[in-house]
PDB file of N, CA and C in Angstrom:
ATOM      1  N   UNK A   1     -51.976 -16.637  62.471  1.00  0.00           N
ATOM      2  CA  UNK A   1     -51.418 -17.028  60.929  1.00  0.00           C
ATOM      3  C   UNK A   1     -52.092 -18.464  60.537  1.00  0.00           C
ATOM      4  N   UNK A   2     -53.225 -18.598  60.239  1.00  0.00           N
ATOM      5  CA  UNK A   2     -53.779 -19.647  60.079  1.00  0.00           C
ATOM      6  C   UNK A   2     -54.301 -20.614  59.029  1.00  0.00           C
ATOM      7  N   UNK A   3     -53.534 -19.736  57.720  1.00  0.00           N
ATOM      8  CA  UNK A   3     -53.797 -20.473  56.141  1.00  0.00           C
ATOM      9  C   UNK A   3     -53.129 -19.420  55.497  1.00  0.00           C
ATOM     10  N   UNK A   4     -51.988 -19.813  54.155  1.00  0.00           N
ATOM     11  CA  UNK A   4     -51.600 -19.356  53.458  1.00  0.00           C
ATOM     12  C   UNK A   4     -51.487 -19.805  52.207  1.00  0.00           C
ATOM     13  N   UNK A   5     -51.573 -19.607  51.011  1.00  0.00           N
ATOM     14  CA  UNK A   5     -51.254 -20.263  49.753  1.00  0.00           C
ATOM     15  C   UNK A   5     -52.356 -19.522  48.731  1.00  0.00           C
ATOM     16  N   UNK A   6     -52.682 -20.270  48.163  1.00  0.00           N
ATOM     17  CA  UNK A   6     -53.834 -19.905  46.893  1.00  0.00           C
ATOM     18  C   UNK A   6     -54.969 -19.980  47.728  1.00  0.00           C
ATOM     19  N   UNK A   7     -55.704 -19.568  47.370  1.00  0.00           N
ATOM     20  CA  UNK A   7     -57.034 -19.324  47.465  1.00  0.00           C
ATOM     21  C   UNK A   7     -58.741 -19.144  45.981  1.00  0.00           C
ATOM     22  N   UNK A   8     -59.061 -19.698  46.340  1.00  0.00           N
ATOM     23  CA  UNK A   8     -60.111 -19.538  45.269  1.00  0.00           C
ATOM     24  C   UNK A   8     -61.013 -18.611  45.902  1.00  0.00           C
ATOM     25  N   UNK A   9     -61.246 -17.884  44.451  1.00  0.00           N
ATOM     26  CA  UNK A   9     -61.633 -16.624  44.009  1.00  0.00           C
ATOM     27  C   UNK A   9     -62.396 -16.457  45.011  1.00  0.00           C
ATOM     28  N   UNK A  10     -62.010 -14.937  45.906  1.00  0.00           N
ATOM     29  CA  UNK A  10     -62.567 -14.134  46.648  1.00  0.00           C
ATOM     30  C   UNK A  10     -63.125 -12.978  46.290  1.00  0.00           C
ATOM     31  N   UNK A  11     -64.447 -12.763  46.768  1.00  0.00           N
ATOM     32  CA  UNK A  11     -65.506 -11.922  46.594  1.00  0.00           C
ATOM     33  C   UNK A  11     -65.029 -10.727  47.838  1.00  0.00           C
ATOM     34  N   UNK A  12     -64.581  -9.275  47.075  1.00  0.00           N
ATOM     35  CA  UNK A  12     -63.848  -8.254  48.241  1.00  0.00           C
ATOM     36  C   UNK A  12     -65.297  -7.477  48.575  1.00  0.00           C
ATOM     37  N   UNK A  13     -66.287  -8.153  47.871  1.00  0.00           N
ATOM     38  CA  UNK A  13     -67.754  -7.434  48.850  1.00  0.00           C
ATOM     39  C   UNK A  13     -68.695  -7.926  50.313  1.00  0.00           C
ATOM     40  N   UNK A  14     -67.690  -9.411  50.203  1.00  0.00           N
ATOM     41  CA  UNK A  14     -68.319 -10.296  51.032  1.00  0.00           C
ATOM     42  C   UNK A  14     -67.502 -10.305  52.886  1.00  0.00           C
ATOM     43  N   UNK A  15     -68.138 -10.701  52.848  1.00  0.00           N
ATOM     44  CA  UNK A  15     -67.055 -10.294  54.520  1.00  0.00           C
ATOM     45  C   UNK A  15     -66.954 -12.467  54.772  1.00  0.00           C
ATOM     46  N   UNK A  16     -67.020 -12.837  53.958  1.00  0.00           N
ATOM     47  CA  UNK A  16     -66.517 -14.018  54.332  1.00  0.00           C
ATOM     48  C   UNK A  16     -65.200 -14.224  53.656  1.00  0.00           C
ATOM     49  N   UNK A  17     -64.611 -15.384  54.029  1.00  0.00           N
ATOM     50  CA  UNK A  17     -62.718 -15.567  53.980  1.00  0.00           C
ATOM     51  C   UNK A  17     -62.865 -16.180  52.779  1.00  0.00           C
ATOM     52  N   UNK A  18     -61.869 -16.157  51.830  1.00  0.00           N
ATOM     53  CA  UNK A  18     -61.839 -17.070  50.736  1.00  0.00           C
ATOM     54  C   UNK A  18     -61.146 -18.934  51.195  1.00  0.00           C
ATOM     55  N   UNK A  19     -62.108 -20.092  50.550  1.00  0.00           N
ATOM     56  CA  UNK A  19     -61.486 -21.003  51.246  1.00  0.00           C
ATOM     57  C   UNK A  19     -60.081 -20.944  50.348  1.00  0.00           C
ATOM     58  N   UNK A  20     -59.453 -21.945  51.122  1.00  0.00           N
ATOM     59  CA  UNK A  20     -57.943 -22.509  51.048  1.00  0.00           C
ATOM     60  C   UNK A  20     -57.471 -23.638  49.582  1.00  0.00           C
ATOM     61  N   UNK A  21     -56.720 -23.188  48.835  1.00  0.00           N
ATOM     62  CA  UNK A  21     -56.402 -23.863  48.000  1.00  0.00           C
ATOM     63  C   UNK A  21     -55.898 -25.730  48.284  1.00  0.00           C
ATOM     64  N   UNK A  22     -54.715 -24.400  48.323  1.00  0.00           N
ATOM     65  CA  UNK A  22     -53.157 -25.001  48.843  1.00  0.00           C
ATOM     66  C   UNK A  22     -52.100 -24.650  49.420  1.00  0.00           C
ATOM     67  N   UNK A  23     -51.924 -25.035  50.642  1.00  0.00           N
ATOM     68  CA  UNK A  23     -50.776 -23.938  51.101  1.00  0.00           C
ATOM     69  C   UNK A  23     -49.293 -24.847  50.978  1.00  0.00           C
ATOM     70  N   UNK A  24     -49.451 -22.718  50.178  1.00  0.00           N
ATOM     71  CA  UNK A  24     -47.653 -23.271  49.724  1.00  0.00           C
ATOM     72  C   UNK A  24     -47.621 -21.864  49.874  1.00  0.00           C
ATOM     73  N   UNK A  25     -45.648 -21.427  49.321  1.00  0.00           N
ATOM     74  CA  UNK A  25     -45.430 -20.225  48.883  1.00  0.00           C
ATOM     75  C   UNK A  25     -45.207 -19.663  47.543  1.00  0.00           C
ATOM     76  N   UNK A  26     -45.302 -20.848  47.455  1.00  0.00           N
ATOM     77  CA  UNK A  26     -44.497 -20.994  45.305  1.00  0.00           C
ATOM     78  C   UNK A  26     -46.322 -20.757  44.248  1.00  0.00           C
ATOM     79  N   UNK A  27     -46.582 -20.064  43.447  1.00  0.00           N
ATOM     80  CA  UNK A  27     -47.818 -20.038  42.988  1.00  0.00           C
ATOM     81  C   UNK A  27     -47.558 -20.113  41.960  1.00  0.00           C
ATOM     82  N   UNK A  28     -48.123 -20.790  40.998  1.00  0.00           N
ATOM     83  CA  UNK A  28     -47.629 -21.375  39.789  1.00  0.00           C
ATOM     84  C   UNK A  28     -48.649 -19.981  39.024  1.00  0.00           C
ATOM     85  N   UNK A  29     -48.226 -19.222  38.744  1.00  0.00           N
ATOM     86  CA  UNK A  29     -49.542 -17.674  38.553  1.00  0.00           C
ATOM     87  C   UNK A  29     -50.571 -18.145  36.791  1.00  0.00           C
ATOM     88  N   UNK A  30     -51.296 -16.973  36.758  1.00  0.00           N
ATOM     89  CA  UNK A  30     -52.197 -17.638  36.198  1.00  0.00           C
ATOM     90  C   UNK A  30     -53.590 -16.067  36.846  1.00  0.00           C
ATOM     91  N   UNK A  31     -53.394 -15.482  35.525  1.00  0.00           N
ATOM     92  CA  UNK A  31     -54.965 -14.656  35.342  1.00  0.00           C
ATOM     93  C   UNK A  31     -55.225 -15.208  36.600  1.00  0.00           C
ATOM     94  N   UNK A  32     -56.218 -13.926  37.199  1.00  0.00           N
ATOM     95  CA  UNK A  32     -57.035 -14.287  38.316  1.00  0.00           C
ATOM     96  C   UNK A  32     -56.546 -15.597  39.163  1.00  0.00           C
ATOM     97  N   UNK A  33     -55.449 -16.676  39.983  1.00  0.00           N
ATOM     98  CA  UNK A  33     -55.219 -16.460  40.493  1.00  0.00           C
ATOM     99  C   UNK A  33     -55.039 -15.428  41.932  1.00  0.00           C
ATOM    100  N   UNK A  34     -55.360 -16.102  43.278  1.00  0.00           N
ATOM    101  CA  UNK A  34     -55.766 -15.570  44.020  1.00  0.00           C
ATOM    102  C   UNK A  34     -54.692 -16.178  45.498  1.00  0.00           C
ATOM    103  N   UNK A  35     -53.963 -15.399  45.737  1.00  0.00           N
ATOM    104  CA  UNK A  35     -53.088 -15.665  47.037  1.00  0.00           C
ATOM    105  C   UNK A  35     -53.191 -14.917  47.811  1.00  0.00           C
ATOM    106  N   UNK A  36     -52.233 -15.432  49.158  1.00  0.00           N
ATOM    107  CA  UNK A  36     -52.178 -14.409  50.628  1.00  0.00           C
ATOM    108  C   UNK A  36     -52.463 -15.314  51.747  1.00  0.00           C
ATOM    109  N   UNK A  37     -53.156 -14.893  52.945  1.00  0.00           N
ATOM    110  CA  UNK A  37     -52.543 -15.831  53.989  1.00  0.00           C
ATOM    111  C   UNK A  37     -53.578 -14.873  54.665  1.00  0.00           C
ATOM    112  N   UNK A  38     -54.165 -15.704  55.942  1.00  0.00           N
ATOM    113  CA  UNK A  38     -55.412 -15.515  56.708  1.00  0.00           C
ATOM    114  C   UNK A  38     -55.381 -15.355  57.937  1.00  0.00           C
ATOM    115  N   UNK A  39     -55.368 -14.324  58.753  1.00  0.00           N
ATOM    116  CA  UNK A  39     -54.955 -14.245  60.471  1.00  0.00           C
ATOM    117  C   UNK A  39     -56.019 -14.583  61.027  1.00  0.00           C
ATOM    118  N   UNK A  40     -56.483 -15.178  62.521  1.00  0.00           N
ATOM    119  CA  UNK A  40     -56.973 -14.728  62.910  1.00  0.00           C
ATOM    120  C   UNK A  40     -57.397 -14.233  64.571  1.00  0.00           C
ATOM    121  N   UNK A  41     -57.537 -13.230  64.801  1.00  0.00           N
ATOM    122  CA  UNK A  41     -57.530 -12.198  65.705  1.00  0.00           C
ATOM    123  C   UNK A  41     -58.283 -12.296  67.091  1.00  0.00           C
ATOM    124  N   UNK A  42     -58.022 -12.914  67.826  1.00  0.00           N
ATOM    125  CA  UNK A  42     -58.795 -12.137  69.349  1.00  0.00           C
ATOM    126  C   UNK A  42     -58.843 -11.724  70.250  1.00  0.00           C
ATOM    127  N   UNK A  43     -59.523 -10.994  70.716  1.00  0.00           N
ATOM    128  CA  UNK A  43     -59.959  -9.547  71.975  1.00  0.00           C
ATOM    129  C   UNK A  43     -58.881  -8.293  70.922  1.00  0.00           C
ATOM    130  N   UNK A  44     -59.232  -7.985  69.769  1.00  0.00           N
ATOM    131  CA  UNK A  44     -59.222  -7.260  69.152  1.00  0.00           C
ATOM    132  C   UNK A  44     -60.186  -6.245  68.656  1.00  0.00           C
ATOM    133  N   UNK A  45     -60.959  -6.007  68.674  1.00  0.00           N
ATOM    134  CA  UNK A  45     -62.396  -4.806  68.950  1.00  0.00           C
ATOM    135  C   UNK A  45     -62.016  -3.783  68.971  1.00  0.00           C
ATOM    136  N   UNK A  46     -62.639  -3.069  67.747  1.00  0.00           N
ATOM    137  CA  UNK A  46     -61.843  -1.423  67.331  1.00  0.00           C
ATOM    138  C   UNK A  46     -60.599  -1.275  67.649  1.00  0.00           C
ATOM    139  N   UNK A  47     -59.637  -1.957  67.749  1.00  0.00           N
ATOM    140  CA  UNK A  47     -58.026  -1.648  67.257  1.00  0.00           C
ATOM    141  C   UNK A  47     -57.763  -1.742  65.726  1.00  0.00           C
ATOM    142  N   UNK A  48     -56.547  -1.666  65.066  1.00  0.00           N
ATOM    143  CA  UNK A  48     -56.475  -1.223  63.559  1.00  0.00           C
ATOM    144  C   UNK A  48     -55.110  -2.512  63.390  1.00  0.00           C
ATOM    145  N   UNK A  49     -55.544  -3.426  62.450  1.00  0.00           N
ATOM    146  CA  UNK A  49     -54.344  -3.344  61.291  1.00  0.00           C
ATOM    147  C   UNK A  49     -53.860  -2.740  60.473  1.00  0.00           C
ATOM    148  N   UNK A  50     -52.143  -2.612  60.157  1.00  0.00           N
ATOM    149  CA  UNK A  50     -52.089  -1.624  58.722  1.00  0.00           C
ATOM    150  C   UNK A  50     -51.318  -3.009  57.819  1.00  0.00           C
ATOM    151  N   UNK A  51     -51.237  -3.082  57.201  1.00  0.00           N
ATOM    152  CA  UNK A  51     -50.778  -3.925  55.948  1.00  0.00           C
ATOM    153  C   UNK A  51     -49.704  -3.442  54.914  1.00  0.00           C
ATOM    154  N   UNK A  52     -49.109  -3.553  53.794  1.00  0.00           N
ATOM    155  CA  UNK A  52     -48.140  -3.536  53.263  1.00  0.00           C
ATOM    156  C   UNK A  52     -47.778  -4.894  52.265  1.00  0.00           C
ATOM    157  N   UNK A  53     -48.331  -4.746  51.183  1.00  0.00           N
ATOM    158  CA  UNK A  53     -47.381  -5.629  49.575  1.00  0.00           C
ATOM    159  C   UNK A  53     -46.832  -5.066  48.848  1.00  0.00           C
ATOM    160  N   UNK A  54     -45.796  -6.281  49.204  1.00  0.00           N
ATOM    161  CA  UNK A  54     -44.234  -4.843  48.544  1.00  0.00           C
ATOM    162  C   UNK A  54     -44.527  -6.393  46.772  1.00  0.00           C
ATOM    163  N   UNK A  55     -44.428  -5.854  45.547  1.00  0.00           N
ATOM    164  CA  UNK A  55     -44.761  -6.545  44.474  1.00  0.00           C
ATOM    165  C   UNK A  55     -43.636  -6.079  43.481  1.00  0.00           C
ATOM    166  N   UNK A  56     -43.452  -7.120  42.760  1.00  0.00           N
ATOM    167  CA  UNK A  56     -42.556  -6.589  41.485  1.00  0.00           C
ATOM    168  C   UNK A  56     -42.817  -5.311  41.393  1.00  0.00           C
ATOM    169  N   UNK A  57     -41.503  -5.059  40.499  1.00  0.00           N
ATOM    170  CA  UNK A  57     -42.131  -3.273  39.418  1.00  0.00           C
ATOM    171  C   UNK A  57     -43.159  -3.800  38.500  1.00  0.00           C
ATOM    172  N   UNK A  58     -43.747  -2.799  38.287  1.00  0.00           N
ATOM    173  CA  UNK A  58     -45.109  -2.927  36.915  1.00  0.00           C
ATOM    174  C   UNK A  58     -45.091  -1.519  36.985  1.00  0.00           C
ATOM    175  N   UNK A  59     -45.832  -1.299  36.033  1.00  0.00           N
ATOM    176  CA  UNK A  59     -46.809   0.349  35.572  1.00  0.00           C
ATOM    177  C   UNK A  59     -47.614  -0.265  35.965  1.00  0.00           C
ATOM    178  N   UNK A  60     -48.089   1.143  36.300  1.00  0.00           N
ATOM    179  CA  UNK A  60     -48.972   1.897  36.354  1.00  0.00           C
ATOM    180  C   UNK A  60     -49.717   3.522  36.494  1.00  0.00           C
ATOM    181  N   UNK A  61     -50.504   3.666  35.103  1.00  0.00           N
ATOM    182  CA  UNK A  61     -50.394   5.212  34.756  1.00  0.00           C
ATOM    183  C   UNK A  61     -49.334   5.659  34.405  1.00  0.00           C
ATOM    184  N   UNK A  62     -48.635   5.032  33.971  1.00  0.00           N
ATOM    185  CA  UNK A  62     -47.105   5.788  33.138  1.00  0.00           C
ATOM    186  C   UNK A  62     -45.759   5.590  34.499  1.00  0.00           C
ATOM    187  N   UNK A  63     -46.206   5.095  35.592  1.00  0.00           N
ATOM    188  CA  UNK A  63     -45.265   4.846  36.440  1.00  0.00           C
ATOM    189  C   UNK A  63     -45.259   3.580  37.345  1.00  0.00           C
ATOM    190  N   UNK A  64     -44.024   3.614  37.503  1.00  0.00           N
ATOM    191  CA  UNK A  64     -43.286   2.245  38.524  1.00  0.00           C
ATOM    192  C   UNK A  64     -44.678   2.770  39.741  1.00  0.00           C
ATOM    193  N   UNK A  65     -45.488   1.259  40.606  1.00  0.00           N
ATOM    194  CA  UNK A  65     -46.743   1.349  41.086  1.00  0.00           C
ATOM    195  C   UNK A  65     -45.915   0.831  42.578  1.00  0.00           C
ATOM    196  N   UNK A  66     -46.216   1.868  43.789  1.00  0.00           N
ATOM    197  CA  UNK A  66     -45.587   1.341  44.780  1.00  0.00           C
ATOM    198  C   UNK A  66     -46.347   0.256  45.566  1.00  0.00           C
ATOM    199  N   UNK A  67     -45.860  -0.366  46.683  1.00  0.00           N
ATOM    200  CA  UNK A  67     -46.167  -1.113  47.860  1.00  0.00           C
ATOM    201  C   UNK A  67     -47.774  -0.588  48.158  1.00  0.00           C
ATOM    202  N   UNK A  68     -49.092  -1.097  47.810  1.00  0.00           N
ATOM    203  CA  UNK A  68     -49.596  -1.547  47.939  1.00  0.00           C
ATOM    204  C   UNK A  68     -50.092  -1.366  49.932  1.00  0.00           C
ATOM    205  N   UNK A  69     -50.510  -0.521  50.151  1.00  0.00           N
ATOM    206  CA  UNK A  69     -50.557  -0.278  51.745  1.00  0.00           C
ATOM    207  C   UNK A  69     -51.721  -0.078  52.321  1.00  0.00           C
ATOM    208  N   UNK A  70     -52.014   0.255  53.529  1.00  0.00           N
ATOM    209  CA  UNK A  70     -53.575   0.021  53.762  1.00  0.00           C
ATOM    210  C   UNK A  70     -53.988  -0.059  55.538  1.00  0.00           C
ATOM    211  N   UNK A  71     -54.990  -0.067  56.015  1.00  0.00           N
ATOM    212  CA  UNK A  71     -55.262  -0.655  57.348  1.00  0.00           C
ATOM    213  C   UNK A  71     -56.841  -1.207  57.570  1.00  0.00           C
ATOM    214  N   UNK A  72     -56.780  -2.007  57.744  1.00  0.00           N
ATOM    215  CA  UNK A  72     -58.281  -2.761  58.336  1.00  0.00           C
ATOM    216  C   UNK A  72     -59.253  -2.797  59.755  1.00  0.00           C
ATOM    217  N   UNK A  73     -59.885  -2.014  60.178  1.00  0.00           N
ATOM    218  CA  UNK A  73     -60.493  -1.593  61.255  1.00  0.00           C
ATOM    219  C   UNK A  73     -61.150  -3.084  61.651  1.00  0.00           C
ATOM    220  N   UNK A  74     -60.401  -3.490  63.020  1.00  0.00           N
ATOM    221  CA  UNK A  74     -61.245  -4.822  63.876  1.00  0.00           C
ATOM    222  C   UNK A  74     -62.209  -4.843  64.569  1.00  0.00           C
ATOM    223  N   UNK A  75     -63.335  -5.461  63.306  1.00  0.00           N
ATOM    224  CA  UNK A  75     -64.989  -5.282  63.870  1.00  0.00           C
ATOM    225  C   UNK A  75     -65.252  -5.567  64.657  1.00  0.00           C
ATOM    226  N   UNK A  76     -64.808  -7.352  65.218  1.00  0.00           N
ATOM    227  CA  UNK A  76     -64.964  -8.163  66.521  1.00  0.00           C
ATOM    228  C   UNK A  76     -64.438  -8.869  67.735  1.00  0.00           C
ATOM    229  N   UNK A  77     -64.239  -9.074  68.326  1.00  0.00           N
ATOM    230  CA  UNK A  77     -63.242 -10.212  69.182  1.00  0.00           C
ATOM    231  C   UNK A  77     -63.189 -11.120  68.884  1.00  0.00           C
ATOM    232  N   UNK A  78     -63.774 -11.778  67.410  1.00  0.00           N
ATOM    233  CA  UNK A  78     -63.188 -13.186  67.286  1.00  0.00           C
ATOM    234  C   UNK A  78     -63.147 -12.507  65.530  1.00  0.00           C
ATOM    235  N   UNK A  79     -62.211 -12.254  65.182  1.00  0.00           N
ATOM    236  CA  UNK A  79     -62.563 -11.285  63.885  1.00  0.00           C
ATOM    237  C   UNK A  79     -61.201 -12.005  62.894  1.00  0.00           C
ATOM    238  N   UNK A  80     -61.406 -11.915  61.458  1.00  0.00           N
ATOM    239  CA  UNK A  80     -60.326 -13.007  60.836  1.00  0.00           C
ATOM    240  C   UNK A  80     -60.457 -11.749  59.433  1.00  0.00           C
ATOM    241  N   UNK A  81     -59.267 -12.178  59.154  1.00  0.00           N
ATOM    242  CA  UNK A  81     -58.611 -11.237  57.926  1.00  0.00           C
ATOM    243  C   UNK A  81     -58.197 -11.551  56.937  1.00  0.00           C
ATOM    244  N   UNK A  82     -58.229 -11.443  55.895  1.00  0.00           N
ATOM    245  CA  UNK A  82     -57.507 -12.162  54.699  1.00  0.00           C
ATOM    246  C   UNK A  82     -56.563 -10.780  54.298  1.00  0.00           C
ATOM    247  N   UNK A  83     -55.194 -11.078  54.182  1.00  0.00           N
ATOM    248  CA  UNK A  83     -54.261 -10.560  53.072  1.00  0.00           C
ATOM    249  C   UNK A  83     -54.240 -11.121  51.811  1.00  0.00           C
ATOM    250  N   UNK A  84     -54.104 -10.744  50.480  1.00  0.00           N
ATOM    251  CA  UNK A  84     -54.051 -10.723  49.687  1.00  0.00           C
ATOM    252  C   UNK A  84     -53.805  -9.676  48.413  1.00  0.00           C
ATOM    253  N   UNK A  85     -54.210 -10.636  47.177  1.00  0.00           N
ATOM    254  CA  UNK A  85     -54.254 -10.120  45.390  1.00  0.00           C
ATOM    255  C   UNK A  85     -54.329 -11.553  44.663  1.00  0.00           C
ATOM    256  N   UNK A  86     -54.948 -10.702  43.725  1.00  0.00           N
ATOM    257  CA  UNK A  86     -54.941 -11.379  42.761  1.00  0.00           C
ATOM    258  C   UNK A  86     -54.530 -11.141  41.290  1.00  0.00           C
ATOM    259  N   UNK A  87     -54.399 -12.191  41.103  1.00  0.00           N
ATOM    260  CA  UNK A  87     -53.391 -11.929  39.832  1.00  0.00           C
ATOM    261  C   UNK A  87     -54.060 -11.226  38.103  1.00  0.00           C
ATOM    262  N   UNK A  88     -53.511  -9.765  37.565  1.00  0.00           N
ATOM    263  CA  UNK A  88     -54.249  -9.097  36.969  1.00  0.00           C
ATOM    264  C   UNK A  88     -53.276  -9.646  35.129  1.00  0.00           C
ATOM    265  N   UNK A  89     -53.953  -8.785  34.624  1.00  0.00           N
ATOM    266  CA  UNK A  89     -52.949  -8.135  33.170  1.00  0.00           C
ATOM    267  C   UNK A  89     -52.745  -7.765  33.628  1.00  0.00           C
ATOM    268  N   UNK A  90     -51.376  -7.026  32.467  1.00  0.00           N
ATOM    269  CA  UNK A  90     -50.111  -8.094  31.975  1.00  0.00           C
ATOM    270  C   UNK A  90     -50.017  -9.434  33.068  1.00  0.00           C
ATOM    271  N   UNK A  91     -49.390 -10.997  32.959  1.00  0.00           N
ATOM    272  CA  UNK A  91     -48.932 -11.430  33.755  1.00  0.00           C
ATOM    273  C   UNK A  91     -47.834 -11.373  34.238  1.00  0.00           C
ATOM    274  N   UNK A  92     -46.928 -10.962  33.051  1.00  0.00           N
ATOM    275  CA  UNK A  92     -45.246 -11.146  33.262  1.00  0.00           C
ATOM    276  C   UNK A  92     -44.933 -10.099  34.144  1.00  0.00           C
ATOM    277  N   UNK A  93     -45.474  -8.829  34.217  1.00  0.00           N
ATOM    278  CA  UNK A  93     -44.662  -8.284  35.390  1.00  0.00           C
ATOM    279  C   UNK A  93     -45.271  -7.984  36.844  1.00  0.00           C
ATOM    280  N   UNK A  94     -45.637  -9.391  36.877  1.00  0.00           N
ATOM    281  CA  UNK A  94     -46.359  -9.236  38.138  1.00  0.00           C
ATOM    282  C   UNK A  94     -45.337 -10.686  39.235  1.00  0.00           C
ATOM    283  N   UNK A  95     -44.996 -11.596  37.794  1.00  0.00           N
ATOM    284  CA  UNK A  95     -43.991 -12.690  37.875  1.00  0.00           C
ATOM    285  C   UNK A  95     -42.955 -12.475  39.039  1.00  0.00           C
ATOM    286  N   UNK A  96     -42.998 -13.093  40.521  1.00  0.00           N
ATOM    287  CA  UNK A  96     -41.300 -12.210  41.372  1.00  0.00           C
ATOM    288  C   UNK A  96     -41.750 -12.549  42.576  1.00  0.00           C
ATOM    289  N   UNK A  97     -41.323 -12.085  43.111  1.00  0.00           N
ATOM    290  CA  UNK A  97     -41.768 -12.093  44.607  1.00  0.00           C
ATOM    291  C   UNK A  97     -42.923 -11.011  45.011  1.00  0.00           C
ATOM    292  N   UNK A  98     -43.462 -11.198  46.158  1.00  0.00           N
ATOM    293  CA  UNK A  98     -44.047 -10.500  46.419  1.00  0.00           C
ATOM    294  C   UNK A  98     -44.248 -10.853  47.872  1.00  0.00           C
ATOM    295  N   UNK A  99     -43.978 -10.039  48.837  1.00  0.00           N
ATOM    296  CA  UNK A  99     -43.775  -9.613  50.898  1.00  0.00           C
ATOM    297  C   UNK A  99     -45.225  -9.082  51.095  1.00  0.00           C
ATOM    298  N   UNK A 100     -45.541 -10.037  51.867  1.00  0.00           N
ATOM    299  CA  UNK A 100     -47.361  -9.795  52.289  1.00  0.00           C
ATOM    300  C   UNK A 100     -46.195  -9.483  54.027  1.00  0.00           C
ATOM    301  N   UNK A 101     -47.310  -8.176  54.495  1.00  0.00           N
ATOM    302  CA  UNK A 101     -46.634  -7.595  56.424  1.00  0.00           C
ATOM    303  C   UNK A 101     -48.037  -7.343  56.581  1.00  0.00           C
ATOM    304  N   UNK A 102     -48.409  -7.499  58.279  1.00  0.00           N
ATOM    305  CA  UNK A 102     -49.581  -7.403  58.621  1.00  0.00           C
ATOM    306  C   UNK A 102     -48.636  -5.847  59.961  1.00  0.00           C
ATOM    307  N   UNK A 103     -48.895  -5.031  60.448  1.00  0.00           N
ATOM    308  CA  UNK A 103     -48.748  -4.437  61.177  1.00  0.00           C
ATOM    309  C   UNK A 103     -49.844  -4.064  62.368  1.00  0.00           C
ATOM    310  N   UNK A 104     -49.373  -4.911  63.465  1.00  0.00           N
ATOM    311  CA  UNK A 104     -50.246  -4.398  64.837  1.00  0.00           C
ATOM    312  C   UNK A 104     -49.347  -3.185  65.700  1.00  0.00           C
ATOM    313  N   UNK A 105     -50.032  -1.987  66.337  1.00  0.00           N
ATOM    314  CA  UNK A 105     -49.295  -0.789  66.749  1.00  0.00           C
ATOM    315  C   UNK A 105     -47.716  -0.670  66.686  1.00  0.00           C
ATOM    316  N   UNK A 106     -48.055  -0.810  65.251  1.00  0.00           N
ATOM    317  CA  UNK A 106     -46.108  -0.428  64.703  1.00  0.00           C
ATOM    318  C   UNK A 106     -45.108  -1.791  64.426  1.00  0.00           C
ATOM    319  N   UNK A 107     -45.588  -3.160  65.124  1.00  0.00           N
ATOM    320  CA  UNK A 107     -45.004  -4.107  65.086  1.00  0.00           C
ATOM    321  C   UNK A 107     -45.313  -5.474  64.256  1.00  0.00           C
ATOM    322  N   UNK A 108     -44.086  -5.884  63.473  1.00  0.00           N
ATOM    323  CA  UNK A 108     -44.767  -6.784  62.854  1.00  0.00           C
ATOM    324  C   UNK A 108     -45.475  -7.799  63.167  1.00  0.00           C
ATOM    325  N   UNK A 109     -46.649  -8.712  62.653  1.00  0.00           N
ATOM    326  CA  UNK A 109     -47.235  -9.641  63.995  1.00  0.00           C
ATOM    327  C   UNK A 109     -47.615 -11.339  62.506  1.00  0.00           C
ATOM    328  N   UNK A 110     -47.446  -9.967  61.198  1.00  0.00           N
ATOM    329  CA  UNK A 110     -47.446 -11.775  60.225  1.00  0.00           C
ATOM    330  C   UNK A 110     -46.679 -11.595  58.507  1.00  0.00           C
ATOM    331  N   UNK A 111     -46.465 -11.537  58.365  1.00  0.00           N
ATOM    332  CA  UNK A 111     -45.003 -12.080  57.410  1.00  0.00           C
ATOM    333  C   UNK A 111     -44.904 -13.197  56.606  1.00  0.00           C
ATOM    334  N   UNK A 112     -45.353 -12.903  55.405  1.00  0.00           N
ATOM    335  CA  UNK A 112     -45.102 -13.996  53.983  1.00  0.00           C
ATOM    336  C   UNK A 112     -44.775 -13.340  52.861  1.00  0.00           C
ATOM    337  N   UNK A 113     -43.718 -14.607  52.548  1.00  0.00           N
ATOM    338  CA  UNK A 113     -42.979 -13.990  50.982  1.00  0.00           C
ATOM    339  C   UNK A 113     -43.736 -15.492  50.320  1.00  0.00           C
ATOM    340  N   UNK A 114     -44.341 -14.439  48.937  1.00  0.00           N
ATOM    341  CA  UNK A 114     -44.707 -15.472  47.756  1.00  0.00           C
ATOM    342  C   UNK A 114     -44.062 -15.755  46.822  1.00  0.00           C
ATOM    343  N   UNK A 115     -43.573 -16.214  46.148  1.00  0.00           N
ATOM    344  CA  UNK A 115     -42.887 -16.763  45.056  1.00  0.00           C
ATOM    345  C   UNK A 115     -44.111 -16.662  43.575  1.00  0.00           C
ATOM    346  N   UNK A 116     -44.272 -16.283  42.732  1.00  0.00           N
ATOM    347  CA  UNK A 116     -45.860 -15.824  41.390  1.00  0.00           C
ATOM    348  C   UNK A 116     -44.403 -16.558  40.372  1.00  0.00           C
ATOM    349  N   UNK A 117     -44.823 -17.752  39.706  1.00  0.00           N
ATOM    350  CA  UNK A 117     -43.644 -18.388  38.075  1.00  0.00           C
ATOM    351  C   UNK A 117     -44.623 -18.238  37.533  1.00  0.00           C
TER     352      UNK A 117
END
């Protein structure tokens, strides 16, 4: 992990990593605030990372939304991976503890807890 905290707006369609604005785990939450961490992975081409973003309980489609999970294919031997989220409306149900975890071959390789206030 080479950076974590609040980032500039991220273009999810781009391969560019967002620019770090502040190294912190305490996020002053506003709609549109981007937060998370960046990993630099060497010699992992062809491997996969799995991730989980555990968040405060909020309602989506009438149900409490489970943690966000997914996987990322490592495309090169010198790969940067951004794991994070952007705060959306309504703000009130996004406040609290957000726990971001990245796994490689079932083992935790990165973990950070952010407090959105």
